[in-house]
């Protein structure tokens, strides 16, 4: 069921951003699309964009968030450092977790890469439930992230 929903979301995202160059608008619409598709599962959905050797808060849906995250810090910084998706079943068990909200219990963070394979942003999704994310989420969200092209920022 979720696999089919992710396929539908991919097509919607592709149609939504086709030919669009407004980077902020694209990221904002992707967060809205994902948050509205999983309102009970996704507590927080947003992007952090690589700029000046840190992750800077970008468009998001949810409660207030951290403004800056360092390379290798927390789940988002770890995703950026590794260049691969990170799934955390219990954020309280993740060494160095950055608690922007005490309601967050599990998290998935997906890298957004440029054509050279460098991570230019990360898509961060939090849930109030433990172990809320699995391989179906990873595959579906990674595919959606391939649609996103972030302009080169100073790294």
Protein backbone atom coordinates (compact mmCIF):
# COMPACT_ATOMS: atom_id res chain seq x y z
CA UNK A 1 0.00 0.00 0.00
CA UNK A 2 2.71 2.51 0.99
CA UNK A 3 4.79 1.42 -1.99
CA UNK A 4 1.97 2.41 -4.35
CA UNK A 5 1.48 5.67 -2.47
CA UNK A 6 5.17 6.49 -2.90
CA UNK A 7 4.88 5.76 -6.63
CA UNK A 8 1.93 8.15 -6.81
CA UNK A 9 3.82 10.78 -4.78
CA UNK A 10 6.80 10.49 -7.14
CA UNK A 11 4.56 11.18 -10.14
CA UNK A 12 2.90 14.09 -8.32
CA UNK A 13 6.24 15.58 -7.32
CA UNK A 14 7.60 15.16 -10.85
CA UNK A 15 4.58 16.93 -12.31
CA UNK A 16 4.61 19.59 -9.60
CA UNK A 17 8.22 20.68 -10.15
CA UNK A 18 8.64 20.05 -13.88
CA UNK A 19 10.20 23.13 -15.46
CA UNK A 20 10.19 25.06 -12.19
CA UNK A 21 13.33 26.94 -11.14
CA UNK A 22 12.15 28.43 -7.83
CA UNK A 23 14.25 26.27 -5.51
CA UNK A 24 12.54 27.44 -2.32
CA UNK A 25 9.12 26.84 -3.83
CA UNK A 26 10.10 23.36 -5.01
CA UNK A 27 11.34 22.36 -1.56
CA UNK A 28 8.29 23.91 0.12
CA UNK A 29 5.90 22.02 -2.15
CA UNK A 30 7.74 18.72 -1.66
CA UNK A 31 7.50 19.09 2.12
CA UNK A 32 3.80 19.91 1.87
CA UNK A 33 3.20 16.96 -0.46
CA UNK A 34 4.90 14.51 1.90
CA UNK A 35 3.41 15.90 5.11
CA UNK A 36 -0.11 15.81 3.67
CA UNK A 37 0.36 12.25 2.37
CA UNK A 38 1.32 10.93 5.82
CA UNK A 39 -0.23 13.31 8.38
CA UNK A 40 -0.31 10.74 11.20
CA UNK A 41 3.14 9.24 10.49
CA UNK A 42 5.17 12.34 9.60
CA UNK A 43 5.39 14.77 12.52
CA UNK A 44 8.01 17.00 10.87
CA UNK A 45 9.15 17.18 7.23
CA UNK A 46 11.80 19.56 6.00
CA UNK A 47 15.02 20.27 4.20
CA UNK A 48 18.40 21.35 5.44
CA UNK A 49 20.59 22.86 2.72
CA UNK A 50 24.39 22.63 2.61
CA UNK A 51 25.85 26.13 2.77
CA UNK A 52 29.08 27.47 4.27
CA UNK A 53 30.10 24.04 5.62
CA UNK A 54 26.90 23.53 7.58
CA UNK A 55 23.30 22.51 7.07
CA UNK A 56 20.96 25.49 7.10
CA UNK A 57 17.25 25.16 7.76
CA UNK A 58 15.19 25.29 4.57
CA UNK A 59 11.47 24.91 3.86
CA UNK A 60 9.64 22.65 6.31
CA UNK A 61 6.25 21.61 7.67
CA UNK A 62 5.92 21.12 11.42
CA UNK A 63 7.02 22.65 14.69
CA UNK A 64 10.02 24.96 15.11
CA UNK A 65 13.39 23.52 14.13
CA UNK A 66 17.12 23.94 14.60
CA UNK A 67 18.61 26.63 12.34
CA UNK A 68 22.08 25.12 11.79
CA UNK A 69 23.53 21.63 11.99
CA UNK A 70 27.22 20.83 11.71
CA UNK A 71 28.87 18.25 9.50
CA UNK A 72 28.60 14.84 11.16
CA UNK A 73 26.37 16.21 13.95
CA UNK A 74 23.06 14.58 14.81
CA UNK A 75 21.13 12.44 12.33
CA UNK A 76 21.09 15.11 9.60
CA UNK A 77 24.80 15.85 9.85
CA UNK A 78 25.56 12.12 9.86
CA UNK A 79 23.51 11.65 6.68
CA UNK A 80 25.44 14.50 5.06
CA UNK A 81 28.76 13.03 6.19
CA UNK A 82 27.96 9.49 5.01
CA UNK A 83 26.12 10.55 1.85
CA UNK A 84 23.49 7.90 2.49
CA UNK A 85 20.06 7.59 4.06
CA UNK A 86 20.00 7.19 7.84
CA UNK A 87 17.05 5.55 9.59
CA UNK A 88 16.86 5.85 13.37
CA UNK A 89 14.25 3.73 15.16
CA UNK A 90 14.71 5.52 18.51
CA UNK A 91 16.34 8.95 18.41
CA UNK A 92 17.18 8.76 22.12
CA UNK A 93 19.51 5.85 21.30
CA UNK A 94 21.34 7.76 18.53
CA UNK A 95 24.68 9.14 19.79
CA UNK A 96 24.73 12.93 19.46
CA UNK A 97 21.07 13.25 18.47
CA UNK A 98 20.02 16.89 18.28
CA UNK A 99 16.64 17.24 19.96
CA UNK A 100 14.78 20.06 18.22
CA UNK A 101 11.51 18.66 19.60
CA UNK A 102 10.93 16.30 22.50
CA UNK A 103 8.01 14.82 20.53
CA UNK A 104 10.31 13.29 17.91
CA UNK A 105 10.88 9.57 18.53
CA UNK A 106 12.19 8.20 15.21
CA UNK A 107 13.71 9.76 12.12
CA UNK A 108 14.73 9.21 8.52
CA UNK A 109 17.13 11.52 6.70
CA UNK A 110 17.75 11.26 2.95
CA UNK A 111 20.58 12.97 1.08
CA UNK A 112 19.78 15.17 -1.92
CA UNK A 113 22.67 14.92 -4.36
CA UNK A 114 23.91 16.89 -7.33
CA UNK A 115 24.94 15.28 -10.63
CA UNK A 116 28.48 14.73 -9.30
CA UNK A 117 27.09 12.79 -6.33
CA UNK A 118 27.79 15.46 -3.70
CA UNK A 119 25.18 15.96 -0.99
CA UNK A 120 23.69 19.44 -1.41
CA UNK A 121 20.81 19.08 1.06
CA UNK A 122 19.07 16.54 3.25
CA UNK A 123 15.39 15.70 3.60
CA UNK A 124 14.62 15.19 7.29
CA UNK A 125 11.43 13.46 8.45
CA UNK A 126 10.52 12.84 12.08
CA UNK A 127 7.78 10.75 13.65
CA UNK A 128 6.27 10.73 17.13
CA UNK A 129 6.26 6.90 16.94
CA UNK A 130 9.22 4.60 17.51
CA UNK A 131 10.46 2.63 14.48
CA UNK A 132 8.16 4.53 12.11
CA UNK A 133 10.40 4.18 9.03
CA UNK A 134 11.50 1.18 7.02
CA UNK A 135 12.92 0.16 3.64
CA UNK A 136 9.68 1.10 1.86
CA UNK A 137 10.08 4.65 3.14
CA UNK A 138 13.79 4.71 2.27
CA UNK A 139 13.23 3.56 -1.30
CA UNK A 140 10.23 5.84 -1.90
CA UNK A 141 11.82 8.94 -0.39
CA UNK A 142 15.19 8.40 -2.07
CA UNK A 143 13.41 8.19 -5.42
CA UNK A 144 11.54 11.45 -4.78
CA UNK A 145 14.81 13.13 -3.75
CA UNK A 146 16.34 12.28 -7.16
CA UNK A 147 13.90 14.81 -8.65
CA UNK A 148 15.35 17.65 -6.58
CA UNK A 149 18.22 19.69 -7.97
CA UNK A 150 19.77 22.10 -5.50
CA UNK A 151 21.88 24.92 -6.94
CA UNK A 152 25.53 24.68 -5.97
CA UNK A 153 26.20 26.40 -2.64
CA UNK A 154 29.56 27.21 -1.12
CA UNK A 155 30.53 24.08 0.77
